[in-house]
Amino acid sequence: MNIMVNEEVVLLDGVTSVSGLLTQLEIEINNIAITVNHTIVPHSCWDEFEINSGDQISLFQAIAGG
């Protein structure tokens, strides 16, 4: 299935969760926030939140600022 991750098309080998997506993309889970179709997905839901074909996912790296 095809999804969009930070405005780039990504092909997945079937149904996966947010956690599964991060594993497939080899993305470290520390200090990131994720939205799926413009909705924030809490870290506590990553294992259960299912990614569907056509979903738009944005990954945000937390940075220090002031």
C-alpha atoms as a PDB file:
ATOM      1  CA  MET A   1       0.000   0.000   0.000  1.00  0.00           C
ATOM      2  CA  ASN A   2       1.073   3.580  -0.596  1.00  0.00           C
ATOM      3  CA  ILE A   3       1.143   6.257   2.085  1.00  0.00           C
ATOM      4  CA  MET A   4       2.661   9.721   2.319  1.00  0.00           C
ATOM      5  CA  VAL A   5       5.364  10.384   4.918  1.00  0.00           C
ATOM      6  CA  ASN A   6       6.487  14.001   5.160  1.00  0.00           C
ATOM      7  CA  GLU A   7       5.187  14.582   1.612  1.00  0.00           C
ATOM      8  CA  GLU A   8       7.057  11.582   0.122  1.00  0.00           C
ATOM      9  CA  VAL A   9       5.366   8.430  -1.179  1.00  0.00           C
ATOM     10  CA  VAL A  10       6.282   5.320   0.836  1.00  0.00           C
ATOM     11  CA  LEU A  11       5.325   1.770  -0.185  1.00  0.00           C
ATOM     12  CA  LEU A  12       4.468  -0.571   2.701  1.00  0.00           C
ATOM     13  CA  ASP A  13       4.230  -4.362   2.556  1.00  0.00           C
ATOM     14  CA  GLY A  14       0.742  -4.523   4.074  1.00  0.00           C
ATOM     15  CA  VAL A  15      -1.014  -3.351   7.200  1.00  0.00           C
ATOM     16  CA  THR A  16       1.145  -1.922   9.941  1.00  0.00           C
ATOM     17  CA  SER A  17       0.939   0.235  13.038  1.00  0.00           C
ATOM     18  CA  VAL A  18       2.666   3.550  13.659  1.00  0.00           C
ATOM     19  CA  SER A  19       5.352   1.617  15.586  1.00  0.00           C
ATOM     20  CA  GLY A  20       5.714  -0.809  12.689  1.00  0.00           C
ATOM     21  CA  LEU A  21       6.089   2.066  10.247  1.00  0.00           C
ATOM     22  CA  LEU A  22       8.858   3.644  12.322  1.00  0.00           C
ATOM     23  CA  THR A  23      10.637   0.281  12.467  1.00  0.00           C
ATOM     24  CA  GLN A  24      10.351  -0.213   8.687  1.00  0.00           C
ATOM     25  CA  LEU A  25      11.684   3.294   8.069  1.00  0.00           C
ATOM     26  CA  GLU A  26      14.452   2.793  10.664  1.00  0.00           C
ATOM     27  CA  ILE A  27      13.439   5.958  12.513  1.00  0.00           C
ATOM     28  CA  GLU A  28      14.455   6.431  16.135  1.00  0.00           C
ATOM     29  CA  ILE A  29      11.403   6.984  18.306  1.00  0.00           C
ATOM     30  CA  ASN A  30      13.009   9.400  20.760  1.00  0.00           C
ATOM     31  CA  ASN A  31      11.706  12.965  20.745  1.00  0.00           C
ATOM     32  CA  ILE A  32       9.330  12.723  17.794  1.00  0.00           C
ATOM     33  CA  ALA A  33       5.666  13.502  17.339  1.00  0.00           C
ATOM     34  CA  ILE A  34       3.479  11.923  14.679  1.00  0.00           C
ATOM     35  CA  THR A  35       0.299  13.008  12.956  1.00  0.00           C
ATOM     36  CA  VAL A  36      -1.826  10.775  10.750  1.00  0.00           C
ATOM     37  CA  ASN A  37      -4.184  12.685   8.475  1.00  0.00           C
ATOM     38  CA  HIS A  38      -3.515  15.847  10.524  1.00  0.00           C
ATOM     39  CA  THR A  39      -4.443  14.184  13.834  1.00  0.00           C
ATOM     40  CA  ILE A  40      -1.811  13.800  16.574  1.00  0.00           C
ATOM     41  CA  VAL A  41      -1.251  10.167  17.549  1.00  0.00           C
ATOM     42  CA  PRO A  42      -0.161   9.893  21.214  1.00  0.00           C
ATOM     43  CA  HIS A  43       2.928   7.771  21.832  1.00  0.00           C
ATOM     44  CA  SER A  44       0.824   5.461  24.008  1.00  0.00           C
ATOM     45  CA  CYS A  45      -1.251   4.522  20.920  1.00  0.00           C
ATOM     46  CA  TRP A  46       1.572   3.862  18.428  1.00  0.00           C
ATOM     47  CA  ASP A  47       1.453   0.067  18.810  1.00  0.00           C
ATOM     48  CA  GLU A  48      -2.297  -0.113  18.128  1.00  0.00           C
ATOM     49  CA  PHE A  49      -2.851   2.773  15.686  1.00  0.00           C
ATOM     50  CA  GLU A  50      -3.230   1.195  12.245  1.00  0.00           C
ATOM     51  CA  ILE A  51      -1.832   2.849   9.118  1.00  0.00           C
ATOM     52  CA  ASN A  52      -4.128   2.642   6.062  1.00  0.00           C
ATOM     53  CA  SER A  53      -3.497   3.048   2.356  1.00  0.00           C
ATOM     54  CA  GLY A  54      -3.511   6.716   1.380  1.00  0.00           C
ATOM     55  CA  ASP A  55      -2.796   7.994   4.892  1.00  0.00           C
ATOM     56  CA  GLN A  56      -0.767  11.191   5.192  1.00  0.00           C
ATOM     57  CA  ILE A  57       1.791  10.959   7.968  1.00  0.00           C
ATOM     58  CA  SER A  58       3.959  13.761   9.308  1.00  0.00           C
ATOM     59  CA  LEU A  59       6.931  13.175  11.581  1.00  0.00           C
ATOM     60  CA  PHE A  60       8.182  16.039  13.732  1.00  0.00           C
ATOM     61  CA  GLN A  61      11.493  16.089  15.590  1.00  0.00           C
ATOM     62  CA  ALA A  62      11.327  17.845  18.944  1.00  0.00           C
ATOM     63  CA  ILE A  63      13.988  20.529  19.322  1.00  0.00           C
ATOM     64  CA  ALA A  64      14.983  22.823  22.159  1.00  0.00           C
ATOM     65  CA  GLY A  65      14.147  26.460  21.819  1.00  0.00           C
ATOM     66  CA  GLY A  66      13.161  29.491  23.698  1.00  0.00           C
END
